[in-house]
Amino acid sequence: MYVVRGRNNLTLTLILTLTLQEHTQAAMAIAERHANERDDALASAAAARGALETLRAREENERSGLAASVAALREAETAARHMLYEAATELAGTIYMYIYIDIYI
């Protein structure tokens, strides 16, 4: 009777051990799958980060180029305004001279 009970206990222990081993293997497989998914997500995030850095560098280069163009255009506008002012001043002097000549001559 003790032998039968002991054998039943050993059988039950073996069944439980095998069941636990199966659950452990299943959990390890799930953990490995999750680790692979995490690695894939990290690689994807690294690629996206690299693309973003490339876009940021390109945007900075374009911004610098546009700022230089705007500065050159402002400088050209200032020069053109100065030339226009000089031309208007010269024209006003010429008109004044013609009026003076017409009146007094």
C-alpha atoms as a PDB file:
ATOM      1  CA  MET A   1       0.000   0.000   0.000  1.00  0.00           C
ATOM      2  CA  TYR A   2       2.840   2.413   0.790  1.00  0.00           C
ATOM      3  CA  VAL A   3       4.581   1.307  -2.373  1.00  0.00           C
ATOM      4  CA  VAL A   4       1.497   2.062  -4.451  1.00  0.00           C
ATOM      5  CA  ARG A   5       1.019   5.437  -2.751  1.00  0.00           C
ATOM      6  CA  GLY A   6       4.711   6.244  -3.245  1.00  0.00           C
ATOM      7  CA  ARG A   7       4.544   5.172  -6.875  1.00  0.00           C
ATOM      8  CA  ASN A   8       1.433   7.334  -7.394  1.00  0.00           C
ATOM      9  CA  ASN A   9       3.209  10.282  -5.780  1.00  0.00           C
ATOM     10  CA  LEU A  10       6.249   9.750  -8.015  1.00  0.00           C
ATOM     11  CA  THR A  11       4.019   9.519 -11.086  1.00  0.00           C
ATOM     12  CA  LEU A  12       2.179  12.686 -10.082  1.00  0.00           C
ATOM     13  CA  THR A  13       5.494  14.442  -9.432  1.00  0.00           C
ATOM     14  CA  LEU A  14       6.791  13.326 -12.844  1.00  0.00           C
ATOM     15  CA  ILE A  15       3.632  14.552 -14.588  1.00  0.00           C
ATOM     16  CA  LEU A  16       3.816  17.884 -12.782  1.00  0.00           C
ATOM     17  CA  THR A  17       7.523  18.217 -13.596  1.00  0.00           C
ATOM     18  CA  LEU A  18       6.902  17.506 -17.295  1.00  0.00           C
ATOM     19  CA  THR A  19       3.996  19.965 -17.333  1.00  0.00           C
ATOM     20  CA  LEU A  20       6.129  22.630 -15.680  1.00  0.00           C
ATOM     21  CA  GLN A  21       8.919  21.935 -18.177  1.00  0.00           C
ATOM     22  CA  GLU A  22       6.479  22.410 -21.077  1.00  0.00           C
ATOM     23  CA  HIS A  23       5.212  25.664 -19.563  1.00  0.00           C
ATOM     24  CA  THR A  24       8.770  26.832 -19.009  1.00  0.00           C
ATOM     25  CA  GLN A  25       9.686  26.059 -22.622  1.00  0.00           C
ATOM     26  CA  ALA A  26       6.576  27.862 -23.852  1.00  0.00           C
ATOM     27  CA  ALA A  27       7.413  30.882 -21.664  1.00  0.00           C
ATOM     28  CA  MET A  28      10.981  30.886 -22.944  1.00  0.00           C
ATOM     29  CA  ALA A  29       9.739  30.771 -26.548  1.00  0.00           C
ATOM     30  CA  ILE A  30       7.413  33.717 -25.851  1.00  0.00           C
ATOM     31  CA  ALA A  31      10.240  35.618 -24.171  1.00  0.00           C
ATOM     32  CA  GLU A  32      12.513  34.949 -27.151  1.00  0.00           C
ATOM     33  CA  ARG A  33       9.814  36.139 -29.567  1.00  0.00           C
ATOM     34  CA  HIS A  34       9.335  39.296 -27.500  1.00  0.00           C
ATOM     35  CA  ALA A  35      13.103  39.871 -27.434  1.00  0.00           C
ATOM     36  CA  ASN A  36      13.225  39.526 -31.226  1.00  0.00           C
ATOM     37  CA  GLU A  37      10.320  41.941 -31.609  1.00  0.00           C
ATOM     38  CA  ARG A  38      12.074  44.385 -29.263  1.00  0.00           C
ATOM     39  CA  ASP A  39      15.298  44.099 -31.253  1.00  0.00           C
ATOM     40  CA  ASP A  40      13.395  44.711 -34.498  1.00  0.00           C
ATOM     41  CA  ALA A  41      11.660  47.742 -32.975  1.00  0.00           C
ATOM     42  CA  LEU A  42      14.990  49.135 -31.738  1.00  0.00           C
ATOM     43  CA  ALA A  43      16.548  48.645 -35.170  1.00  0.00           C
ATOM     44  CA  SER A  44      13.563  50.362 -36.796  1.00  0.00           C
ATOM     45  CA  ALA A  45      13.790  53.237 -34.322  1.00  0.00           C
ATOM     46  CA  ALA A  46      17.521  53.582 -35.003  1.00  0.00           C
ATOM     47  CA  ALA A  47      16.853  53.715 -38.756  1.00  0.00           C
ATOM     48  CA  ALA A  48      14.124  56.315 -38.251  1.00  0.00           C
ATOM     49  CA  ARG A  49      16.447  58.326 -36.004  1.00  0.00           C
ATOM     50  CA  GLY A  50      19.144  58.220 -38.690  1.00  0.00           C
ATOM     51  CA  ALA A  51      16.683  59.378 -41.346  1.00  0.00           C
ATOM     52  CA  LEU A  52      15.502  62.177 -39.067  1.00  0.00           C
ATOM     53  CA  GLU A  53      19.071  63.328 -38.441  1.00  0.00           C
ATOM     54  CA  THR A  54      19.705  63.333 -42.194  1.00  0.00           C
ATOM     55  CA  LEU A  55      16.589  65.442 -42.746  1.00  0.00           C
ATOM     56  CA  ARG A  56      17.584  67.815 -39.954  1.00  0.00           C
ATOM     57  CA  ALA A  57      21.050  68.270 -41.468  1.00  0.00           C
ATOM     58  CA  ARG A  58      19.553  68.903 -44.918  1.00  0.00           C
ATOM     59  CA  GLU A  59      17.061  71.374 -43.441  1.00  0.00           C
ATOM     60  CA  GLU A  60      19.848  73.210 -41.615  1.00  0.00           C
ATOM     61  CA  ASN A  61      21.886  73.446 -44.822  1.00  0.00           C
ATOM     62  CA  GLU A  62      18.879  74.774 -46.735  1.00  0.00           C
ATOM     63  CA  ARG A  63      18.108  77.251 -43.959  1.00  0.00           C
ATOM     64  CA  SER A  64      21.708  78.511 -44.001  1.00  0.00           C
ATOM     65  CA  GLY A  65      21.603  78.871 -47.778  1.00  0.00           C
ATOM     66  CA  LEU A  66      18.317  80.738 -47.671  1.00  0.00           C
ATOM     67  CA  ALA A  67      19.587  83.021 -44.905  1.00  0.00           C
ATOM     68  CA  ALA A  68      22.619  83.870 -47.055  1.00  0.00           C
ATOM     69  CA  SER A  69      20.343  84.552 -50.047  1.00  0.00           C
ATOM     70  CA  VAL A  70      18.089  86.784 -47.960  1.00  0.00           C
ATOM     71  CA  ALA A  71      21.106  88.697 -46.647  1.00  0.00           C
ATOM     72  CA  ALA A  72      22.416  89.196 -50.202  1.00  0.00           C
ATOM     73  CA  LEU A  73      18.992  90.350 -51.389  1.00  0.00           C
ATOM     74  CA  ARG A  74      18.709  92.812 -48.509  1.00  0.00           C
ATOM     75  CA  GLU A  75      22.149  94.171 -49.310  1.00  0.00           C
ATOM     76  CA  ALA A  76      21.188  94.538 -52.992  1.00  0.00           C
ATOM     77  CA  GLU A  77      17.925  96.245 -51.984  1.00  0.00           C
ATOM     78  CA  THR A  78      19.815  98.701 -49.782  1.00  0.00           C
ATOM     79  CA  ALA A  79      22.234  99.477 -52.635  1.00  0.00           C
ATOM     80  CA  ALA A  80      19.339  99.947 -55.066  1.00  0.00           C
ATOM     81  CA  ARG A  81      17.563 102.292 -52.637  1.00  0.00           C
ATOM     82  CA  HIS A  82      20.758 104.283 -52.235  1.00  0.00           C
ATOM     83  CA  MET A  83      21.177 104.529 -56.019  1.00  0.00           C
ATOM     84  CA  LEU A  84      17.521 105.552 -56.363  1.00  0.00           C
ATOM     85  CA  TYR A  85      17.971 108.241 -53.717  1.00  0.00           C
ATOM     86  CA  GLU A  86      21.081 109.564 -55.499  1.00  0.00           C
ATOM     87  CA  ALA A  87      19.292 109.544 -58.860  1.00  0.00           C
ATOM     88  CA  ALA A  88      16.260 111.317 -57.376  1.00  0.00           C
ATOM     89  CA  THR A  89      18.506 113.907 -55.723  1.00  0.00           C
ATOM     90  CA  GLU A  90      20.382 114.488 -58.981  1.00  0.00           C
ATOM     91  CA  LEU A  91      17.114 114.712 -60.912  1.00  0.00           C
ATOM     92  CA  ALA A  92      15.681 117.184 -58.406  1.00  0.00           C
ATOM     93  CA  GLY A  93      18.824 119.310 -58.727  1.00  0.00           C
ATOM     94  CA  THR A  94      18.600 119.205 -62.519  1.00  0.00           C
ATOM     95  CA  ILE A  95      14.930 120.208 -62.490  1.00  0.00           C
ATOM     96  CA  TYR A  96      15.678 123.005 -60.054  1.00  0.00           C
ATOM     97  CA  MET A  97      18.490 124.190 -62.313  1.00  0.00           C
ATOM     98  CA  TYR A  98      16.199 124.204 -65.399  1.00  0.00           C
ATOM     99  CA  ILE A  99      13.505 126.119 -63.507  1.00  0.00           C
ATOM    100  CA  TYR A 100      16.126 128.615 -62.314  1.00  0.00           C
ATOM    101  CA  ILE A 101      17.465 129.060 -65.824  1.00  0.00           C
ATOM    102  CA  ASP A 102      13.970 129.498 -67.315  1.00  0.00           C
ATOM    103  CA  ILE A 103      12.961 132.055 -64.743  1.00  0.00           C
ATOM    104  CA  TYR A 104      16.076 134.178 -64.676  1.00  0.00           C
ATOM    105  CA  ILE A 105      17.266 133.933 -68.217  1.00  0.00           C
END
